[in-house]
């Protein structure tokens, strides 16, 4: 099911993104299996372990936006890129529990992102 996500920027403007929201308790995620074409993917990781491994083989070109929840607000914390088009295994480990995967290139500057809101 597709959801509407609003990415907010430091200047209080926002960008509406249609994406798929997936909740999981897994600590190893094969992202290619969770994707639905080139649709944006928002991962809500619900396990209590410190790290999650994201297996990103053949998931390119994508930018991963990391978010953390503070006082009920989903705040932007950082980003990573997967621009590797080689057919070689590639994975990253993260402590973040809210991750938005967007097809790259994106239409905004990452340093301007402030928060995210999911429409229900």
PDB file of N, CA and C in Angstrom:
ATOM      1  N   UNK A   1       0.838  -1.179   0.000  1.00  0.00           N
ATOM      2  CA  UNK A   1       0.000   0.000   0.000  1.00  0.00           C
ATOM      3  C   UNK A   1       0.884   1.244   0.000  1.00  0.00           C
ATOM      4  N   UNK A   2       0.544   2.211  -0.827  1.00  0.00           N
ATOM      5  CA  UNK A   2       1.332   3.438  -0.926  1.00  0.00           C
ATOM      6  C   UNK A   2       0.813   4.474   0.063  1.00  0.00           C
ATOM      7  N   UNK A   3       1.756   5.229   0.610  1.00  0.00           N
ATOM      8  CA  UNK A   3       1.453   6.277   1.570  1.00  0.00           C
ATOM      9  C   UNK A   3       2.031   7.592   1.072  1.00  0.00           C
ATOM     10  N   UNK A   4       1.573   8.685   1.671  1.00  0.00           N
ATOM     11  CA  UNK A   4       2.112  10.002   1.365  1.00  0.00           C
ATOM     12  C   UNK A   4       3.036  10.405   2.504  1.00  0.00           C
ATOM     13  N   UNK A   5       4.244  10.800   2.141  1.00  0.00           N
ATOM     14  CA  UNK A   5       5.233  11.269   3.104  1.00  0.00           C
ATOM     15  C   UNK A   5       5.547  12.721   2.771  1.00  0.00           C
ATOM     16  N   UNK A   6       5.712  13.535   3.780  1.00  0.00           N
ATOM     17  CA  UNK A   6       6.072  14.938   3.583  1.00  0.00           C
ATOM     18  C   UNK A   6       7.456  15.162   4.167  1.00  0.00           C
ATOM     19  N   UNK A   7       8.402  15.528   3.305  1.00  0.00           N
ATOM     20  CA  UNK A   7       9.743  15.877   3.753  1.00  0.00           C
ATOM     21  C   UNK A   7       9.748  17.384   3.972  1.00  0.00           C
ATOM     22  N   UNK A   8      10.085  17.805   5.187  1.00  0.00           N
ATOM     23  CA  UNK A   8      10.125  19.226   5.521  1.00  0.00           C
ATOM     24  C   UNK A   8      11.562  19.721   5.514  1.00  0.00           C
ATOM     25  N   UNK A   9      11.711  21.000   5.128  1.00  0.00           N
ATOM     26  CA  UNK A   9      13.025  21.615   5.001  1.00  0.00           C
ATOM     27  C   UNK A   9      13.192  22.732   6.019  1.00  0.00           C
ATOM     28  N   UNK A  10      14.434  23.179   6.182  1.00  0.00           N
ATOM     29  CA  UNK A  10      14.748  24.219   7.165  1.00  0.00           C
ATOM     30  C   UNK A  10      14.001  25.526   6.914  1.00  0.00           C
ATOM     31  N   UNK A  11      13.636  25.805   5.665  1.00  0.00           N
ATOM     32  CA  UNK A  11      12.907  27.044   5.360  1.00  0.00           C
ATOM     33  C   UNK A  11      11.391  26.864   5.492  1.00  0.00           C
ATOM     34  N   UNK A  12      10.945  25.759   6.102  1.00  0.00           N
ATOM     35  CA  UNK A  12       9.537  25.443   6.393  1.00  0.00           C
ATOM     36  C   UNK A  12       8.718  25.072   5.159  1.00  0.00           C
ATOM     37  N   UNK A  13       9.373  24.853   4.008  1.00  0.00           N
ATOM     38  CA  UNK A  13       8.676  24.313   2.850  1.00  0.00           C
ATOM     39  C   UNK A  13       8.690  22.791   2.971  1.00  0.00           C
ATOM     40  N   UNK A  14       7.929  22.132   2.105  1.00  0.00           N
ATOM     41  CA  UNK A  14       7.909  20.669   2.160  1.00  0.00           C
ATOM     42  C   UNK A  14       7.773  20.089   0.758  1.00  0.00           C
ATOM     43  N   UNK A  15       8.091  18.823   0.664  1.00  0.00           N
ATOM     44  CA  UNK A  15       7.979  18.074  -0.576  1.00  0.00           C
ATOM     45  C   UNK A  15       7.158  16.831  -0.289  1.00  0.00           C
ATOM     46  N   UNK A  16       6.132  16.609  -1.090  1.00  0.00           N
ATOM     47  CA  UNK A  16       5.281  15.429  -0.923  1.00  0.00           C
ATOM     48  C   UNK A  16       5.849  14.285  -1.751  1.00  0.00           C
ATOM     49  N   UNK A  17       5.997  13.132  -1.108  1.00  0.00           N
ATOM     50  CA  UNK A  17       6.532  11.940  -1.763  1.00  0.00           C
ATOM     51  C   UNK A  17       5.548  10.799  -1.563  1.00  0.00           C
ATOM     52  N   UNK A  18       5.257  10.080  -2.645  1.00  0.00           N
ATOM     53  CA  UNK A  18       4.431   8.878  -2.534  1.00  0.00           C
ATOM     54  C   UNK A  18       5.390   7.703  -2.390  1.00  0.00           C
ATOM     55  N   UNK A  19       5.162   6.908  -1.360  1.00  0.00           N
ATOM     56  CA  UNK A  19       6.063   5.791  -1.116  1.00  0.00           C
ATOM     57  C   UNK A  19       5.377   4.651  -0.396  1.00  0.00           C
ATOM     58  N   UNK A  20       6.123   3.587  -0.257  1.00  0.00           N
ATOM     59  CA  UNK A  20       5.653   2.404   0.449  1.00  0.00           C
ATOM     60  C   UNK A  20       6.274   2.419   1.842  1.00  0.00           C
ATOM     61  N   UNK A  21       5.454   2.169   2.863  1.00  0.00           N
ATOM     62  CA  UNK A  21       5.935   2.093   4.240  1.00  0.00           C
ATOM     63  C   UNK A  21       5.958   0.625   4.645  1.00  0.00           C
ATOM     64  N   UNK A  22       7.108   0.174   5.120  1.00  0.00           N
ATOM     65  CA  UNK A  22       7.243  -1.217   5.571  1.00  0.00           C
ATOM     66  C   UNK A  22       7.763  -1.215   7.003  1.00  0.00           C
ATOM     67  N   UNK A  23       7.070  -1.942   7.868  1.00  0.00           N
ATOM     68  CA  UNK A  23       7.500  -2.124   9.254  1.00  0.00           C
ATOM     69  C   UNK A  23       8.099  -3.510   9.382  1.00  0.00           C
ATOM     70  N   UNK A  24       9.175  -3.603  10.160  1.00  0.00           N
ATOM     71  CA  UNK A  24       9.834  -4.894  10.318  1.00  0.00           C
ATOM     72  C   UNK A  24      10.519  -4.998  11.670  1.00  0.00           C
ATOM     73  N   UNK A  25      10.634  -6.225  12.146  1.00  0.00           N
ATOM     74  CA  UNK A  25      11.395  -6.513  13.358  1.00  0.00           C
ATOM     75  C   UNK A  25      12.692  -7.244  13.022  1.00  0.00           C
ATOM     76  N   UNK A  26      12.965  -7.413  11.740  1.00  0.00           N
ATOM     77  CA  UNK A  26      14.177  -8.105  11.301  1.00  0.00           C
ATOM     78  C   UNK A  26      15.408  -7.236  11.542  1.00  0.00           C
ATOM     79  N   UNK A  27      16.538  -7.884  11.817  1.00  0.00           N
ATOM     80  CA  UNK A  27      17.798  -7.162  11.989  1.00  0.00           C
ATOM     81  C   UNK A  27      18.646  -7.183  10.723  1.00  0.00           C
ATOM     82  N   UNK A  28      18.286  -8.029   9.771  1.00  0.00           N
ATOM     83  CA  UNK A  28      18.927  -8.083   8.460  1.00  0.00           C
ATOM     84  C   UNK A  28      17.839  -7.910   7.411  1.00  0.00           C
ATOM     85  N   UNK A  29      17.934  -6.818   6.664  1.00  0.00           N
ATOM     86  CA  UNK A  29      16.905  -6.512   5.667  1.00  0.00           C
ATOM     87  C   UNK A  29      17.484  -6.614   4.264  1.00  0.00           C
ATOM     88  N   UNK A  30      16.883  -7.461   3.446  1.00  0.00           N
ATOM     89  CA  UNK A  30      17.235  -7.531   2.033  1.00  0.00           C
ATOM     90  C   UNK A  30      16.337  -6.523   1.323  1.00  0.00           C
ATOM     91  N   UNK A  31      16.862  -5.326   1.152  1.00  0.00           N
ATOM     92  CA  UNK A  31      16.063  -4.199   0.679  1.00  0.00           C
ATOM     93  C   UNK A  31      15.468  -4.465  -0.693  1.00  0.00           C
ATOM     94  N   UNK A  32      16.183  -5.144  -1.563  1.00  0.00           N
ATOM     95  CA  UNK A  32      15.673  -5.442  -2.913  1.00  0.00           C
ATOM     96  C   UNK A  32      14.342  -6.190  -2.840  1.00  0.00           C
ATOM     97  N   UNK A  33      14.182  -7.059  -1.840  1.00  0.00           N
ATOM     98  CA  UNK A  33      12.943  -7.828  -1.683  1.00  0.00           C
ATOM     99  C   UNK A  33      11.803  -6.980  -1.120  1.00  0.00           C
ATOM    100  N   UNK A  34      12.126  -5.863  -0.494  1.00  0.00           N
ATOM    101  CA  UNK A  34      11.101  -4.988   0.086  1.00  0.00           C
ATOM    102  C   UNK A  34      10.621  -3.926  -0.896  1.00  0.00           C
ATOM    103  N   UNK A  35      11.421  -3.653  -1.911  1.00  0.00           N
ATOM    104  CA  UNK A  35      11.095  -2.604  -2.872  1.00  0.00           C
ATOM    105  C   UNK A  35       9.922  -2.986  -3.761  1.00  0.00           C
ATOM    106  N   UNK A  36       9.237  -1.947  -4.220  1.00  0.00           N
ATOM    107  CA  UNK A  36       8.176  -2.107  -5.219  1.00  0.00           C
ATOM    108  C   UNK A  36       8.534  -1.210  -6.397  1.00  0.00           C
ATOM    109  N   UNK A  37       9.374  -1.720  -7.285  1.00  0.00           N
ATOM    110  CA  UNK A  37       9.853  -0.928  -8.414  1.00  0.00           C
ATOM    111  C   UNK A  37      10.743   0.203  -7.933  1.00  0.00           C
ATOM    112  N   UNK A  38      10.587   1.381  -8.563  1.00  0.00           N
ATOM    113  CA  UNK A  38      11.370   2.559  -8.173  1.00  0.00           C
ATOM    114  C   UNK A  38      10.649   3.427  -7.154  1.00  0.00           C
ATOM    115  N   UNK A  39       9.555   2.929  -6.591  1.00  0.00           N
ATOM    116  CA  UNK A  39       8.792   3.686  -5.600  1.00  0.00           C
ATOM    117  C   UNK A  39       9.640   3.906  -4.353  1.00  0.00           C
ATOM    118  N   UNK A  40       9.535   5.091  -3.773  1.00  0.00           N
ATOM    119  CA  UNK A  40      10.247   5.389  -2.529  1.00  0.00           C
ATOM    120  C   UNK A  40       9.823   4.402  -1.453  1.00  0.00           C
ATOM    121  N   UNK A  41      10.762   4.093  -0.563  1.00  0.00           N
ATOM    122  CA  UNK A  41      10.523   3.099   0.478  1.00  0.00           C
ATOM    123  C   UNK A  41      10.888   3.692   1.830  1.00  0.00           C
ATOM    124  N   UNK A  42       9.935   3.664   2.774  1.00  0.00           N
ATOM    125  CA  UNK A  42      10.195   4.126   4.137  1.00  0.00           C
ATOM    126  C   UNK A  42      10.177   2.917   5.055  1.00  0.00           C
ATOM    127  N   UNK A  43      11.301   2.678   5.715  1.00  0.00           N
ATOM    128  CA  UNK A  43      11.436   1.537   6.618  1.00  0.00           C
ATOM    129  C   UNK A  43      11.267   1.988   8.062  1.00  0.00           C
ATOM    130  N   UNK A  44      10.401   1.292   8.789  1.00  0.00           N
ATOM    131  CA  UNK A  44      10.242   1.511  10.223  1.00  0.00           C
ATOM    132  C   UNK A  44      10.724   0.240  10.913  1.00  0.00           C
ATOM    133  N   UNK A  45      11.889   0.329  11.515  1.00  0.00           N
ATOM    134  CA  UNK A  45      12.525  -0.830  12.126  1.00  0.00           C
ATOM    135  C   UNK A  45      12.118  -0.881  13.592  1.00  0.00           C
ATOM    136  N   UNK A  46      11.549  -2.017  13.997  1.00  0.00           N
ATOM    137  CA  UNK A  46      10.915  -2.106  15.315  1.00  0.00           C
ATOM    138  C   UNK A  46      11.606  -3.058  16.285  1.00  0.00           C
ATOM    139  N   UNK A  47      12.764  -3.606  15.936  1.00  0.00           N
ATOM    140  CA  UNK A  47      13.457  -4.486  16.885  1.00  0.00           C
ATOM    141  C   UNK A  47      14.211  -3.644  17.921  1.00  0.00           C
ATOM    142  N   UNK A  48      14.664  -4.288  18.986  1.00  0.00           N
ATOM    143  CA  UNK A  48      15.348  -3.586  20.072  1.00  0.00           C
ATOM    144  C   UNK A  48      16.871  -3.731  20.016  1.00  0.00           C
ATOM    145  N   UNK A  49      17.383  -4.362  18.982  1.00  0.00           N
ATOM    146  CA  UNK A  49      18.833  -4.495  18.829  1.00  0.00           C
ATOM    147  C   UNK A  49      19.440  -3.136  18.467  1.00  0.00           C
ATOM    148  N   UNK A  50      20.733  -2.987  18.695  1.00  0.00           N
ATOM    149  CA  UNK A  50      21.397  -1.715  18.423  1.00  0.00           C
ATOM    150  C   UNK A  50      21.516  -1.435  16.924  1.00  0.00           C
ATOM    151  N   UNK A  51      21.904  -2.437  16.142  1.00  0.00           N
ATOM    152  CA  UNK A  51      22.167  -2.235  14.716  1.00  0.00           C
ATOM    153  C   UNK A  51      21.237  -3.047  13.829  1.00  0.00           C
ATOM    154  N   UNK A  52      21.048  -2.516  12.629  1.00  0.00           N
ATOM    155  CA  UNK A  52      20.331  -3.219  11.567  1.00  0.00           C
ATOM    156  C   UNK A  52      21.256  -3.259  10.359  1.00  0.00           C
ATOM    157  N   UNK A  53      21.312  -4.389   9.695  1.00  0.00           N
ATOM    158  CA  UNK A  53      22.099  -4.499   8.470  1.00  0.00           C
ATOM    159  C   UNK A  53      21.148  -4.389   7.288  1.00  0.00           C
ATOM    160  N   UNK A  54      21.455  -3.450   6.398  1.00  0.00           N
ATOM    161  CA  UNK A  54      20.682  -3.261   5.172  1.00  0.00           C
ATOM    162  C   UNK A  54      21.486  -3.852   4.023  1.00  0.00           C
ATOM    163  N   UNK A  55      20.984  -4.923   3.441  1.00  0.00           N
ATOM    164  CA  UNK A  55      21.633  -5.564   2.304  1.00  0.00           C
ATOM    165  C   UNK A  55      21.148  -4.830   1.060  1.00  0.00           C
ATOM    166  N   UNK A  56      22.053  -4.098   0.400  1.00  0.00           N
ATOM    167  CA  UNK A  56      21.684  -3.185  -0.683  1.00  0.00           C
ATOM    168  C   UNK A  56      22.192  -3.631  -2.054  1.00  0.00           C
ATOM    169  N   UNK A  57      22.547  -4.883  -2.199  1.00  0.00           N
ATOM    170  CA  UNK A  57      23.006  -5.373  -3.495  1.00  0.00           C
ATOM    171  C   UNK A  57      21.905  -5.160  -4.533  1.00  0.00           C
ATOM    172  N   UNK A  58      22.280  -4.570  -5.666  1.00  0.00           N
ATOM    173  CA  UNK A  58      21.363  -4.272  -6.784  1.00  0.00           C
ATOM    174  C   UNK A  58      20.286  -3.255  -6.429  1.00  0.00           C
ATOM    175  N   UNK A  59      20.503  -2.454  -5.408  1.00  0.00           N
ATOM    176  CA  UNK A  59      19.587  -1.364  -5.045  1.00  0.00           C
ATOM    177  C   UNK A  59      20.346  -0.066  -5.321  1.00  0.00           C
ATOM    178  N   UNK A  60      20.310   0.400  -6.550  1.00  0.00           N
ATOM    179  CA  UNK A  60      21.044   1.610  -6.929  1.00  0.00           C
ATOM    180  C   UNK A  60      20.361   2.272  -8.105  1.00  0.00           C
ATOM    181  N   UNK A  61      20.557   3.526  -8.365  1.00  0.00           N
ATOM    182  CA  UNK A  61      21.174   4.500  -7.477  1.00  0.00           C
ATOM    183  C   UNK A  61      20.138   5.003  -6.470  1.00  0.00           C
ATOM    184  N   UNK A  62      20.479   4.971  -5.211  1.00  0.00           N
ATOM    185  CA  UNK A  62      19.566   5.395  -4.142  1.00  0.00           C
ATOM    186  C   UNK A  62      20.297   6.228  -3.109  1.00  0.00           C
ATOM    187  N   UNK A  63      19.549   7.108  -2.470  1.00  0.00           N
ATOM    188  CA  UNK A  63      20.037   7.827  -1.299  1.00  0.00           C
ATOM    189  C   UNK A  63      19.177   7.369  -0.126  1.00  0.00           C
ATOM    190  N   UNK A  64      19.807   7.136   1.008  1.00  0.00           N
ATOM    191  CA  UNK A  64      19.111   6.706   2.222  1.00  0.00           C
ATOM    192  C   UNK A  64      19.112   7.871   3.194  1.00  0.00           C
ATOM    193  N   UNK A  65      17.945   8.310   3.612  1.00  0.00           N
ATOM    194  CA  UNK A  65      17.825   9.378   4.598  1.00  0.00           C
ATOM    195  C   UNK A  65      17.498   8.751   5.939  1.00  0.00           C
ATOM    196  N   UNK A  66      18.305   9.073   6.946  1.00  0.00           N
ATOM    197  CA  UNK A  66      18.137   8.511   8.283  1.00  0.00           C
ATOM    198  C   UNK A  66      17.393   9.497   9.174  1.00  0.00           C
ATOM    199  N   UNK A  67      16.433   8.960   9.933  1.00  0.00           N
ATOM    200  CA  UNK A  67      15.625   9.784  10.831  1.00  0.00           C
ATOM    201  C   UNK A  67      15.596   9.171  12.220  1.00  0.00           C
ATOM    202  N   UNK A  68      15.374  10.031  13.215  1.00  0.00           N
ATOM    203  CA  UNK A  68      15.234   9.609  14.605  1.00  0.00           C
ATOM    204  C   UNK A  68      13.999  10.311  15.160  1.00  0.00           C
ATOM    205  N   UNK A  69      13.302   9.664  16.071  1.00  0.00           N
ATOM    206  CA  UNK A  69      12.091  10.253  16.652  1.00  0.00           C
ATOM    207  C   UNK A  69      12.439  10.892  17.990  1.00  0.00           C
ATOM    208  N   UNK A  70      12.071  12.167  18.126  1.00  0.00           N
ATOM    209  CA  UNK A  70      12.260  12.878  19.392  1.00  0.00           C
ATOM    210  C   UNK A  70      10.992  13.665  19.678  1.00  0.00           C
ATOM    211  N   UNK A  71      10.396  13.407  20.832  1.00  0.00           N
ATOM    212  CA  UNK A  71       9.148  14.071  21.227  1.00  0.00           C
ATOM    213  C   UNK A  71       8.064  13.906  20.162  1.00  0.00           C
ATOM    214  N   UNK A  72       8.019  12.744  19.528  1.00  0.00           N
ATOM    215  CA  UNK A  72       6.995  12.451  18.534  1.00  0.00           C
ATOM    216  C   UNK A  72       7.253  13.027  17.155  1.00  0.00           C
ATOM    217  N   UNK A  73       8.383  13.694  16.963  1.00  0.00           N
ATOM    218  CA  UNK A  73       8.720  14.299  15.674  1.00  0.00           C
ATOM    219  C   UNK A  73       9.823  13.470  15.020  1.00  0.00           C
ATOM    220  N   UNK A  74       9.655  13.165  13.731  1.00  0.00           N
ATOM    221  CA  UNK A  74      10.635  12.372  12.988  1.00  0.00           C
ATOM    222  C   UNK A  74      11.670  13.343  12.406  1.00  0.00           C
ATOM    223  N   UNK A  75      12.840  13.410  13.049  1.00  0.00           N
ATOM    224  CA  UNK A  75      13.875  14.382  12.702  1.00  0.00           C
ATOM    225  C   UNK A  75      14.952  13.770  11.813  1.00  0.00           C
ATOM    226  N   UNK A  76      15.381  14.538  10.816  1.00  0.00           N
ATOM    227  CA  UNK A  76      16.448  14.110   9.914  1.00  0.00           C
ATOM    228  C   UNK A  76      17.779  14.098  10.655  1.00  0.00           C
ATOM    229  N   UNK A  77      18.557  13.025  10.469  1.00  0.00           N
ATOM    230  CA  UNK A  77      19.838  12.888  11.161  1.00  0.00           C
ATOM    231  C   UNK A  77      21.030  12.722  10.229  1.00  0.00           C
ATOM    232  N   UNK A  78      20.812  12.246   9.019  1.00  0.00           N
ATOM    233  CA  UNK A  78      21.937  12.041   8.114  1.00  0.00           C
ATOM    234  C   UNK A  78      21.514  11.261   6.888  1.00  0.00           C
ATOM    235  N   UNK A  79      22.490  10.968   6.039  1.00  0.00           N
ATOM    236  CA  UNK A  79      22.182  10.274   4.790  1.00  0.00           C
ATOM    237  C   UNK A  79      23.366   9.433   4.343  1.00  0.00           C
ATOM    238  N   UNK A  80      23.081   8.498   3.467  1.00  0.00           N
ATOM    239  CA  UNK A  80      24.105   7.673   2.824  1.00  0.00           C
ATOM    240  C   UNK A  80      23.654   7.427   1.390  1.00  0.00           C
ATOM    241  N   UNK A  81      24.611   7.123   0.543  1.00  0.00           N
ATOM    242  CA  UNK A  81      24.314   6.866  -0.859  1.00  0.00           C
ATOM    243  C   UNK A  81      24.695   5.441  -1.220  1.00  0.00           C
ATOM    244  N   UNK A  82      23.928   4.852  -2.127  1.00  0.00           N
ATOM    245  CA  UNK A  82      24.337   3.615  -2.781  1.00  0.00           C
ATOM    246  C   UNK A  82      24.312   3.897  -4.277  1.00  0.00           C
ATOM    247  N   UNK A  83      25.483   4.217  -4.815  1.00  0.00           N
ATOM    248  CA  UNK A  83      25.609   4.531  -6.232  1.00  0.00           C
ATOM    249  C   UNK A  83      26.379   3.440  -6.970  1.00  0.00           C
ATOM    250  N   UNK A  84      26.641   2.338  -6.290  1.00  0.00           N
ATOM    251  CA  UNK A  84      27.432   1.241  -6.828  1.00  0.00           C
ATOM    252  C   UNK A  84      26.591   0.393  -7.779  1.00  0.00           C
ATOM    253  N   UNK A  85      26.908   0.462  -9.065  1.00  0.00           N
ATOM    254  CA  UNK A  85      26.136  -0.297 -10.056  1.00  0.00           C
ATOM    255  C   UNK A  85      26.735  -1.675 -10.334  1.00  0.00           C
ATOM    256  N   UNK A  86      27.799  -2.025  -9.631  1.00  0.00           N
ATOM    257  CA  UNK A  86      28.399  -3.344  -9.830  1.00  0.00           C
ATOM    258  C   UNK A  86      27.506  -4.414  -9.227  1.00  0.00           C
ATOM    259  N   UNK A  87      27.531  -5.571  -9.819  1.00  0.00           N
ATOM    260  CA  UNK A  87      26.720  -6.686  -9.319  1.00  0.00           C
ATOM    261  C   UNK A  87      27.504  -7.447  -8.249  1.00  0.00           C
ATOM    262  N   UNK A  88      27.906  -6.722  -7.219  1.00  0.00           N
ATOM    263  CA  UNK A  88      28.670  -7.292  -6.106  1.00  0.00           C
ATOM    264  C   UNK A  88      27.883  -7.081  -4.820  1.00  0.00           C
ATOM    265  N   UNK A  89      28.042  -7.966  -3.855  1.00  0.00           N
ATOM    266  CA  UNK A  89      27.341  -7.793  -2.573  1.00  0.00           C
ATOM    267  C   UNK A  89      27.724  -6.472  -1.905  1.00  0.00           C
ATOM    268  N   UNK A  90      26.725  -5.796  -1.357  1.00  0.00           N
ATOM    269  CA  UNK A  90      26.957  -4.525  -0.669  1.00  0.00           C
ATOM    270  C   UNK A  90      25.937  -4.388   0.448  1.00  0.00           C
ATOM    271  N   UNK A  91      26.413  -4.067   1.636  1.00  0.00           N
ATOM    272  CA  UNK A  91      25.522  -3.894   2.788  1.00  0.00           C
ATOM    273  C   UNK A  91      26.073  -2.789   3.675  1.00  0.00           C
ATOM    274  N   UNK A  92      25.184  -2.170   4.444  1.00  0.00           N
ATOM    275  CA  UNK A  92      25.598  -1.194   5.444  1.00  0.00           C
ATOM    276  C   UNK A  92      24.905  -1.535   6.756  1.00  0.00           C
ATOM    277  N   UNK A  93      25.495  -1.057   7.821  1.00  0.00           N
ATOM    278  CA  UNK A  93      24.929  -1.242   9.152  1.00  0.00           C
ATOM    279  C   UNK A  93      24.522   0.129   9.675  1.00  0.00           C
ATOM    280  N   UNK A  94      23.373   0.208  10.338  1.00  0.00           N
ATOM    281  CA  UNK A  94      22.909   1.484  10.868  1.00  0.00           C
ATOM    282  C   UNK A  94      22.220   1.286  12.207  1.00  0.00           C
ATOM    283  N   UNK A  95      22.242   2.339  13.010  1.00  0.00           N
ATOM    284  CA  UNK A  95      21.521   2.332  14.276  1.00  0.00           C
ATOM    285  C   UNK A  95      20.164   3.012  14.144  1.00  0.00           C
ATOM    286  N   UNK A  96      19.922   3.674  13.019  1.00  0.00           N
ATOM    287  CA  UNK A  96      18.664   4.394  12.844  1.00  0.00           C
ATOM    288  C   UNK A  96      17.514   3.439  12.579  1.00  0.00           C
ATOM    289  N   UNK A  97      16.341   3.807  13.066  1.00  0.00           N
ATOM    290  CA  UNK A  97      15.160   2.944  12.977  1.00  0.00           C
ATOM    291  C   UNK A  97      14.131   3.453  11.964  1.00  0.00           C
ATOM    292  N   UNK A  98      14.340   4.641  11.429  1.00  0.00           N
ATOM    293  CA  UNK A  98      13.459   5.220  10.406  1.00  0.00           C
ATOM    294  C   UNK A  98      14.343   5.612   9.232  1.00  0.00           C
ATOM    295  N   UNK A  99      14.115   4.968   8.088  1.00  0.00           N
ATOM    296  CA  UNK A  99      14.985   5.165   6.927  1.00  0.00           C
ATOM    297  C   UNK A  99      14.129   5.340   5.676  1.00  0.00           C
ATOM    298  N   UNK A 100      14.391   6.408   4.943  1.00  0.00           N
ATOM    299  CA  UNK A 100      13.690   6.683   3.694  1.00  0.00           C
ATOM    300  C   UNK A 100      14.658   6.467   2.537  1.00  0.00           C
ATOM    301  N   UNK A 101      14.300   5.576   1.616  1.00  0.00           N
ATOM    302  CA  UNK A 101      15.106   5.324   0.424  1.00  0.00           C
ATOM    303  C   UNK A 101      14.460   6.027  -0.758  1.00  0.00           C
ATOM    304  N   UNK A 102      15.235   6.908  -1.388  1.00  0.00           N
ATOM    305  CA  UNK A 102      14.767   7.666  -2.544  1.00  0.00           C
ATOM    306  C   UNK A 102      15.661   7.372  -3.736  1.00  0.00           C
ATOM    307  N   UNK A 103      15.040   7.229  -4.900  1.00  0.00           N
ATOM    308  CA  UNK A 103      15.808   7.037  -6.124  1.00  0.00           C
ATOM    309  C   UNK A 103      16.656   8.284  -6.358  1.00  0.00           C
ATOM    310  N   UNK A 104      17.924   8.078  -6.717  1.00  0.00           N
ATOM    311  CA  UNK A 104      18.861   9.180  -6.928  1.00  0.00           C
ATOM    312  C   UNK A 104      18.985   9.457  -8.416  1.00  0.00           C
ATOM    313  N   UNK A 105      19.084  10.716  -8.866  1.00  0.00           N
ATOM    314  CA  UNK A 105      19.271  11.934  -8.086  1.00  0.00           C
ATOM    315  C   UNK A 105      17.964  12.440  -7.485  1.00  0.00           C
ATOM    316  N   UNK A 106      18.108  13.259  -6.456  1.00  0.00           N
ATOM    317  CA  UNK A 106      16.957  13.849  -5.782  1.00  0.00           C
ATOM    318  C   UNK A 106      16.877  15.329  -6.137  1.00  0.00           C
ATOM    319  N   UNK A 107      15.716  15.932  -5.901  1.00  0.00           N
ATOM    320  CA  UNK A 107      15.470  17.313  -6.329  1.00  0.00           C
ATOM    321  C   UNK A 107      15.707  18.341  -5.226  1.00  0.00           C
ATOM    322  N   UNK A 108      16.381  17.952  -4.150  1.00  0.00           N
ATOM    323  CA  UNK A 108      16.618  18.883  -3.036  1.00  0.00           C
ATOM    324  C   UNK A 108      17.992  18.613  -2.439  1.00  0.00           C
ATOM    325  N   UNK A 109      18.435  19.565  -1.627  1.00  0.00           N
ATOM    326  CA  UNK A 109      19.731  19.443  -0.957  1.00  0.00           C
ATOM    327  C   UNK A 109      19.533  18.764   0.390  1.00  0.00           C
ATOM    328  N   UNK A 110      20.299  17.735   0.648  1.00  0.00           N
ATOM    329  CA  UNK A 110      20.158  16.971   1.889  1.00  0.00           C
ATOM    330  C   UNK A 110      20.355  17.827   3.131  1.00  0.00           C
ATOM    331  N   UNK A 111      21.267  18.785   3.073  1.00  0.00           N
ATOM    332  CA  UNK A 111      21.531  19.609   4.252  1.00  0.00           C
ATOM    333  C   UNK A 111      20.364  20.528   4.614  1.00  0.00           C
ATOM    334  N   UNK A 112      19.373  20.623   3.742  1.00  0.00           N
ATOM    335  CA  UNK A 112      18.194  21.448   4.014  1.00  0.00           C
ATOM    336  C   UNK A 112      17.050  20.661   4.651  1.00  0.00           C
ATOM    337  N   UNK A 113      17.148  19.332   4.707  1.00  0.00           N
ATOM    338  CA  UNK A 113      16.077  18.496   5.269  1.00  0.00           C
ATOM    339  C   UNK A 113      16.035  18.665   6.782  1.00  0.00           C
ATOM    340  N   UNK A 114      14.824  18.789   7.331  1.00  0.00           N
ATOM    341  CA  UNK A 114      14.692  18.923   8.790  1.00  0.00           C
ATOM    342  C   UNK A 114      13.887  17.788   9.412  1.00  0.00           C
ATOM    343  N   UNK A 115      12.788  17.377   8.760  1.00  0.00           N
ATOM    344  CA  UNK A 115      11.929  16.368   9.386  1.00  0.00           C
ATOM    345  C   UNK A 115      11.059  15.680   8.340  1.00  0.00           C
ATOM    346  N   UNK A 116      10.264  14.730   8.829  1.00  0.00           N
ATOM    347  CA  UNK A 116       9.397  13.931   7.967  1.00  0.00           C
ATOM    348  C   UNK A 116       8.070  13.711   8.675  1.00  0.00           C
ATOM    349  N   UNK A 117       6.988  13.747   7.910  1.00  0.00           N
ATOM    350  CA  UNK A 117       5.657  13.446   8.442  1.00  0.00           C
ATOM    351  C   UNK A 117       5.011  12.420   7.525  1.00  0.00           C
ATOM    352  N   UNK A 118       4.437  11.371   8.124  1.00  0.00           N
ATOM    353  CA  UNK A 118       3.705  10.354   7.370  1.00  0.00           C
ATOM    354  C   UNK A 118       2.223  10.636   7.473  1.00  0.00           C
ATOM    355  N   UNK A 119       1.543  10.642   6.327  1.00  0.00           N
ATOM    356  CA  UNK A 119       0.078  10.735   6.346  1.00  0.00           C
ATOM    357  C   UNK A 119      -0.479   9.349   6.585  1.00  0.00           C
ATOM    358  N   UNK A 120      -1.514   9.267   7.422  1.00  0.00           N
ATOM    359  CA  UNK A 120      -2.114   7.952   7.663  1.00  0.00           C
ATOM    360  C   UNK A 120      -3.327   7.738   6.801  1.00  0.00           C
TER     361      UNK A 120
END
